[in-house]
Amino acid sequence: MIQPRVDELLEHADSRYGLVIAGAKRARQINNYHHQLGEGTFEDFPPPLVQSRSKNYLTIALEEIAEGKIKVEYPR
């Protein structure tokens, strides 16, 4: 089962499309942050905003959205 649930995540987004795009972009940022740890540069990508037991970057990104740490907005 996917945690957090999609219906809970949709409370923080206008549509499934916006949710998918925001989650994927944030997961890429978290991935880039972890790859930069060895280089000592942290300016470009913020660290994960929630404590998670998961090592999956997409799961961490979706947990951030569910907790309201990331706002999902896109221009129409």
Protein backbone atom coordinates (compact mmCIF):
# COMPACT_ATOMS: atom_id res chain seq x y z
CA MET A 1 0.00 0.00 0.00
CA ILE A 2 1.25 3.48 -0.85
CA GLN A 3 1.82 5.79 2.09
CA PRO A 4 0.69 8.55 2.24
CA ARG A 5 -2.57 7.73 0.49
CA VAL A 6 -3.39 9.49 -2.78
CA ASP A 7 -6.70 10.86 -1.49
CA GLU A 8 -4.82 12.51 1.40
CA LEU A 9 -2.29 13.99 -1.03
CA LEU A 10 -4.99 15.39 -3.30
CA GLU A 11 -6.10 17.64 -0.43
CA HIS A 12 -2.82 19.53 -0.97
CA ALA A 13 -2.97 19.69 -4.79
CA ASP A 14 -5.35 20.88 -7.48
CA SER A 15 -5.06 17.70 -9.55
CA ARG A 16 -3.28 14.39 -9.86
CA TYR A 17 -1.16 15.88 -12.62
CA GLY A 18 0.09 18.69 -10.37
CA LEU A 19 0.77 16.19 -7.60
CA VAL A 20 2.83 13.94 -9.88
CA ILE A 21 4.86 16.82 -11.29
CA ALA A 22 5.55 18.35 -7.84
CA GLY A 23 6.49 14.97 -6.35
CA ALA A 24 8.85 14.14 -9.22
CA LYS A 25 10.58 17.55 -9.11
CA ARG A 26 11.06 17.38 -5.35
CA ALA A 27 12.33 13.77 -5.55
CA ARG A 28 14.96 14.95 -8.08
CA GLN A 29 16.01 17.74 -5.72
CA ILE A 30 16.38 15.29 -2.82
CA ASN A 31 18.38 12.93 -5.07
CA ASN A 32 20.70 15.76 -6.11
CA TYR A 33 21.11 16.82 -2.46
CA HIS A 34 22.26 13.31 -1.50
CA HIS A 35 24.71 13.20 -4.40
CA GLN A 36 26.21 16.53 -3.30
CA LEU A 37 26.86 15.39 0.27
CA GLY A 38 30.34 14.14 -0.60
CA GLU A 39 31.23 17.36 -2.41
CA GLY A 40 30.37 19.66 0.50
CA THR A 41 28.10 22.02 -1.49
CA PHE A 42 24.56 22.48 -0.22
CA GLU A 43 23.47 25.77 -1.79
CA ASP A 44 21.55 24.40 -4.77
CA PHE A 45 19.30 21.76 -3.25
CA PRO A 46 17.61 21.81 0.17
CA PRO A 47 17.76 18.71 2.38
CA PRO A 48 14.67 16.59 3.04
CA LEU A 49 12.15 18.50 5.16
CA VAL A 50 10.71 15.49 7.00
CA GLN A 51 12.13 12.56 8.91
CA SER A 52 11.33 9.40 6.99
CA ARG A 53 12.10 5.73 7.43
CA SER A 54 11.99 5.33 3.66
CA LYS A 55 15.06 5.62 1.48
CA ASN A 56 12.94 6.18 -1.62
CA TYR A 57 13.19 9.81 -2.70
CA LEU A 58 9.70 9.90 -4.21
CA THR A 59 8.19 8.61 -0.96
CA ILE A 60 10.05 11.29 0.98
CA ALA A 61 8.78 13.96 -1.44
CA LEU A 62 5.19 12.75 -1.10
CA GLU A 63 5.50 12.74 2.70
CA GLU A 64 6.66 16.37 2.52
CA ILE A 65 3.59 17.25 0.45
CA ALA A 66 1.27 15.37 2.83
CA GLU A 67 2.67 17.27 5.83
CA GLY A 68 2.24 20.61 4.08
CA LYS A 69 5.97 21.36 3.83
CA ILE A 70 5.69 21.67 0.03
CA LYS A 71 2.92 23.64 -1.69
CA VAL A 72 1.65 22.31 -4.98
CA GLU A 73 0.77 25.24 -7.23
CA TYR A 74 1.08 25.65 -10.95
CA PRO A 75 -0.06 28.45 -13.28
CA ARG A 76 -3.08 27.82 -15.43
